[in-house]
Protein backbone atom coordinates (compact mmCIF):
# COMPACT_ATOMS: atom_id res chain seq x y z
CA MET A 1 99.32 89.15 107.62
CA SER A 2 100.45 88.14 104.12
CA GLN A 3 103.53 85.99 103.54
CA ARG A 4 105.07 88.90 101.65
CA ALA A 5 104.65 91.16 104.69
CA GLU A 6 106.17 88.52 106.98
CA HIS A 7 109.16 88.25 104.66
CA GLU A 8 109.66 92.02 104.74
CA ILE A 9 109.53 92.14 108.55
CA THR A 10 112.08 89.33 108.78
CA HIS A 11 114.23 91.09 106.22
CA GLY A 12 114.02 94.29 108.26
CA VAL A 13 115.49 92.46 111.27
CA PHE A 14 118.35 91.22 109.09
CA LEU A 15 119.03 94.69 107.68
CA ALA A 16 118.99 96.34 111.09
CA ARG A 17 121.53 93.82 112.41
CA HIS A 18 123.91 94.02 109.44
CA ASN A 19 124.14 97.74 108.60
CA ALA A 20 121.24 98.38 106.24
CA GLU A 21 122.79 101.41 104.56
CA GLU A 22 125.94 99.44 103.72
CA ILE A 23 123.86 96.61 102.23
CA TRP A 24 121.83 99.14 100.23
CA GLY A 25 125.03 100.74 98.94
CA TRP A 26 124.47 104.22 100.40
CA SER A 27 127.54 104.35 102.66
CA THR A 28 130.35 104.24 100.07
CA PRO A 29 131.75 107.45 98.50
CA ALA A 30 129.85 106.73 95.28
CA GLY A 31 126.80 105.63 97.24
CA LYS A 32 126.65 108.92 99.12
CA LEU A 33 126.67 110.84 95.83
CA ARG A 34 123.93 108.58 94.48
CA ALA A 35 121.84 109.16 97.60
CA ALA A 36 122.25 112.93 97.36
CA ARG A 37 121.20 112.97 93.72
CA ARG A 38 118.28 110.61 94.28
CA GLY A 39 117.05 112.54 97.30
CA SER A 40 117.12 115.79 95.33
CA LEU A 41 115.22 114.23 92.42
CA ILE A 42 112.48 112.94 94.69
CA ALA A 43 112.21 116.14 96.75
CA ASN A 44 112.22 118.48 93.76
CA GLY A 45 109.76 116.34 91.83
CA ALA A 46 107.32 116.42 94.74
CA GLY A 47 107.82 120.14 95.29
CA LEU A 48 108.72 119.67 98.96
CA ARG A 49 108.51 122.89 100.97
CA PRO A 50 106.87 124.26 104.12
CA GLY A 51 103.11 123.91 104.00
CA LYS A 52 103.17 120.64 102.05
CA ARG A 53 101.85 117.46 103.70
CA ILE A 54 103.85 114.47 102.45
CA LEU A 55 103.67 110.70 102.92
CA GLU A 56 106.94 108.78 102.63
CA ILE A 57 106.56 105.04 102.10
CA GLY A 58 109.27 102.64 103.24
CA CYS A 59 111.34 105.16 105.16
CA GLY A 60 113.64 102.44 106.56
CA THR A 61 116.48 103.94 108.60
CA GLY A 62 115.34 107.49 107.84
CA LEU A 63 118.29 108.24 105.56
CA PHE A 64 116.07 109.93 102.97
CA THR A 65 113.48 111.09 105.51
CA GLU A 66 116.14 113.33 107.02
CA ARG A 67 116.86 114.86 103.60
CA PHE A 68 113.17 115.34 102.84
CA ALA A 69 112.43 116.88 106.25
CA ALA A 70 115.08 119.54 105.63
CA SER A 71 112.63 121.04 103.09
CA GLY A 72 110.29 122.04 105.91
CA ALA A 73 107.44 119.86 104.64
CA THR A 74 105.25 118.07 107.19
CA MET A 75 105.83 114.33 106.83
CA VAL A 76 104.31 111.02 107.76
CA ALA A 77 106.94 108.28 107.25
CA VAL A 78 105.74 104.66 107.13
CA ASP A 79 107.70 101.42 107.33
CA ILE A 80 106.78 97.82 108.09
CA SER A 81 109.99 97.17 110.08
CA ALA A 82 110.05 98.11 113.75
CA ASP A 83 113.82 97.51 113.81
CA LEU A 84 114.55 99.95 110.97
CA LEU A 85 112.13 102.50 112.42
CA ASP A 86 114.07 102.41 115.69
CA GLN A 87 117.10 103.61 113.74
CA ALA A 88 115.05 106.27 111.95
CA ARG A 89 113.71 107.64 115.24
CA ARG A 90 117.22 107.88 116.65
CA ARG A 91 117.97 110.57 114.06
CA GLY A 92 116.01 112.95 116.29
CA LEU A 93 113.98 114.56 113.51
CA PRO A 94 111.65 117.31 114.74
CA SER A 95 108.24 116.30 116.03
CA PRO A 96 105.44 116.92 115.10
CA GLN A 97 106.89 117.85 111.69
CA VAL A 98 107.89 114.20 111.16
CA THR A 99 105.70 111.33 112.35
CA PHE A 100 106.86 107.71 112.05
CA LEU A 101 104.34 104.87 111.68
CA GLU A 102 105.00 101.13 111.87
CA LYS A 103 102.55 99.86 109.24
CA ARG A 104 102.24 97.63 106.17
CA PHE A 105 101.48 100.31 103.64
CA GLU A 106 98.94 98.48 101.45
CA ASP A 107 96.45 98.20 104.31
CA CYS A 108 97.56 100.88 106.77
CA ASP A 109 95.03 103.35 108.11
CA VAL A 110 97.14 106.49 107.63
CA GLU A 111 94.92 109.56 107.36
CA GLY A 112 95.09 111.48 104.06
CA PRO A 113 94.95 113.42 101.95
CA PHE A 114 98.56 114.26 101.08
CA ASP A 115 100.06 116.73 98.65
CA GLY A 116 102.65 114.14 97.66
CA VAL A 117 103.53 110.49 98.19
CA ILE A 118 107.24 109.73 97.87
CA GLY A 119 109.88 107.10 98.47
CA SER A 120 113.23 105.63 97.51
CA SER A 121 113.53 101.99 96.41
CA ILE A 122 110.29 100.89 98.04
CA LEU A 123 107.61 100.25 95.41
CA HIS A 124 109.41 97.15 94.15
CA HIS A 125 108.89 95.60 97.61
CA LEU A 126 105.10 96.05 97.45
CA ASP A 127 102.09 94.59 95.70
CA LEU A 128 102.27 97.26 93.00
CA ALA A 129 98.64 97.26 91.88
CA ALA A 130 97.28 97.45 95.43
CA ALA A 131 99.91 99.97 96.57
CA MET A 132 99.39 102.38 93.67
CA ALA A 133 95.62 102.20 94.02
CA ARG A 134 95.99 103.05 97.70
CA ILE A 135 98.35 105.92 96.89
CA PHE A 136 95.84 107.35 94.41
CA THR A 137 93.15 107.49 97.11
CA LEU A 138 95.52 109.17 99.60
CA LEU A 139 96.51 112.01 97.28
CA ASN A 140 94.90 115.42 97.13
CA ALA A 141 93.48 116.33 93.73
CA GLY A 142 96.52 117.62 91.88
CA GLY A 143 98.87 115.77 94.24
CA VAL A 144 102.00 114.06 92.91
CA ILE A 145 103.97 110.87 93.33
CA SER A 146 107.77 111.02 93.24
CA PHE A 147 109.80 107.80 93.50
CA ALA A 148 113.16 106.35 92.48
CA GLU A 149 113.25 102.60 91.89
CA PRO A 150 115.58 99.91 90.49
CA ASN A 151 115.33 99.38 86.73
CA MET A 152 114.66 95.78 85.69
CA LEU A 153 116.43 96.29 82.34
CA ASN A 154 119.77 96.93 84.04
CA PRO A 155 121.78 93.67 83.70
CA GLN A 156 122.82 93.50 87.36
CA ILE A 157 119.32 94.30 88.58
CA LEU A 158 117.81 91.74 86.19
CA ALA A 159 120.03 89.00 87.62
CA GLN A 160 119.78 90.15 91.22
CA LYS A 161 115.99 90.27 91.29
CA ASN A 162 115.42 86.96 89.50
CA VAL A 163 118.11 84.55 90.73
CA PRO A 164 117.32 83.42 94.31
CA LEU A 165 120.97 82.75 95.21
CA LEU A 166 122.00 86.24 94.11
CA LYS A 167 119.09 87.73 96.04
CA ARG A 168 120.36 86.16 99.24
CA LEU A 169 124.01 87.01 98.61
CA LEU A 170 123.26 90.66 97.80
CA GLY A 171 120.88 91.21 100.71
CA ASP A 172 117.51 91.33 98.93
CA SER A 173 114.21 90.22 100.43
CA PRO A 174 112.60 87.14 98.79
CA ASP A 175 109.70 88.94 97.07
CA GLU A 176 111.24 92.18 95.86
CA THR A 177 111.45 92.82 92.14
CA ALA A 178 112.17 95.89 89.97
CA ILE A 179 110.35 98.28 87.65
CA ILE A 180 109.74 97.80 83.94
CA ARG A 181 108.90 101.35 83.03
CA TRP A 182 106.35 100.92 80.24
CA ARG A 183 104.38 98.35 82.27
CA PHE A 184 104.40 100.64 85.28
CA ALA A 185 103.33 103.62 83.16
CA ARG A 186 100.38 101.58 81.90
CA LEU A 187 99.40 100.70 85.49
CA LEU A 188 99.51 104.37 86.50
CA ALA A 189 97.44 105.42 83.50
CA ASN A 190 94.82 102.73 84.21
CA LEU A 191 94.49 104.02 87.78
CA GLY A 192 93.85 107.56 86.52
CA PHE A 193 97.25 109.22 86.99
CA GLN A 194 98.24 111.91 84.50
CA GLN A 195 101.46 113.67 83.48
CA ILE A 196 103.25 110.35 83.88
CA SER A 197 107.02 110.49 83.49
CA ILE A 198 109.32 107.49 84.08
CA THR A 199 112.95 108.30 83.29
CA PRO A 200 115.91 105.88 83.42
CA PHE A 201 118.93 107.33 85.24
CA ASP A 202 121.99 106.47 87.33
CA TRP A 203 125.07 104.64 86.04
CA LEU A 204 127.22 105.28 89.11
CA HIS A 205 127.62 101.95 90.90
CA PRO A 206 128.08 102.09 94.71
CA ALA A 207 131.31 100.09 94.41
CA THR A 208 132.94 102.62 92.07
CA PRO A 209 136.40 103.55 93.48
CA ARG A 210 136.69 107.14 94.61
CA SER A 211 139.31 107.93 91.93
CA LEU A 212 136.99 106.78 89.13
CA ILE A 213 133.84 108.54 90.30
CA PRO A 214 134.22 111.71 88.16
CA ALA A 215 134.83 109.71 84.97
CA VAL A 216 132.00 107.22 85.63
CA ARG A 217 129.60 110.01 86.56
CA ASP A 218 130.39 111.95 83.36
CA MET A 219 130.02 108.84 81.24
CA GLY A 220 126.74 108.06 82.96
CA ARG A 221 125.30 111.49 82.21
CA CYS A 222 126.13 110.93 78.53
CA LEU A 223 124.48 107.50 78.52
CA GLU A 224 121.37 108.93 80.19
CA GLY A 225 120.93 111.15 77.14
CA MET A 226 121.19 108.31 74.62
CA PRO A 227 117.74 106.92 73.67
CA ILE A 228 118.60 103.20 73.66
CA ALA A 229 121.52 103.05 76.09
CA ARG A 230 119.63 104.91 78.82
CA GLU A 231 117.10 102.07 79.07
CA PHE A 232 119.76 99.98 80.84
CA ALA A 233 120.52 102.51 83.61
CA GLY A 234 120.42 101.32 87.20
CA SER A 235 117.32 103.21 88.30
CA VAL A 236 114.15 104.88 87.08
CA TYR A 237 112.72 108.14 88.36
CA ILE A 238 108.90 108.14 88.53
CA ARG A 239 106.64 111.17 88.67
CA ALA A 240 102.91 111.46 88.02
CA ARG A 241 99.96 113.56 89.13
CA LYS A 242 96.43 112.85 90.32
CA PRO A 243 94.04 114.94 88.22
CA ALA A 244 92.58 118.09 89.73
CA PRO A 245 88.94 119.04 89.14
CA ALA A 246 88.35 121.03 85.97
CA GLY A 247 89.08 124.70 86.51
CA SER A 248 91.19 124.14 89.64
CA PRO A 249 94.65 125.76 89.66
CA VAL A 250 97.49 123.27 89.71
CA VAL A 251 100.98 124.32 90.79
CA THR A 252 103.52 122.53 88.62
CA SER A 253 106.97 122.03 90.12
CA GLU A 254 110.08 122.77 88.11
CA ARG A 255 110.87 120.10 85.55
CA VAL A 256 113.22 117.51 86.97
CA SER A 257 116.14 116.39 84.81
CA PRO A 258 117.89 113.29 86.15
């Protein structure tokens, strides 16, 4: 097992003992709104619905798995942490619609192909080149990826992911980083993905007081539409497609607008 994987397992124990969703910022009033928006972006971008077979990477406590499963899609949800998976299983999601696997994604033996591979704030924990190559092989022709990840150009994220003391204080694992969108787009293109879209979004901080949420959310939507300012948003939404053979019909999901 790699040192990175060992770090993630140890970090999973820490998260499970200290309220993972609070550390991740999903349990505050603003955090709950962020989670709802992010879950909708990922689900809509992947076209989740009954009849779709979907792989979720880094399901953690199952917070987003539960949202995704409500679509009726059949899901395999993978995480490296046994402790976080215990919490996910306690949600009582329907089996066999949802199957949980305790695996390191980059070398797990999950059986494809899948119509979509999805996740929230997970790719930045992985060896990106190896993980995306693995995802490409697991997708059906015409299958899509749909992810939301932290944006390295956001000032807080930039500091948090690069200053070891801040990483520890804010509950990050030692090896996690964040996404620089043009570099990631180049990686996807080199692997053969098409219709690549990486969109900065999300200015609503989890610590935003309830009374300020409407104003901050409105301001954030304006900033997301401004070509330079939007680059510093807190997250990026990632969507791309594996090419289908020439002449094959491809169902395109409705355009997602963060």
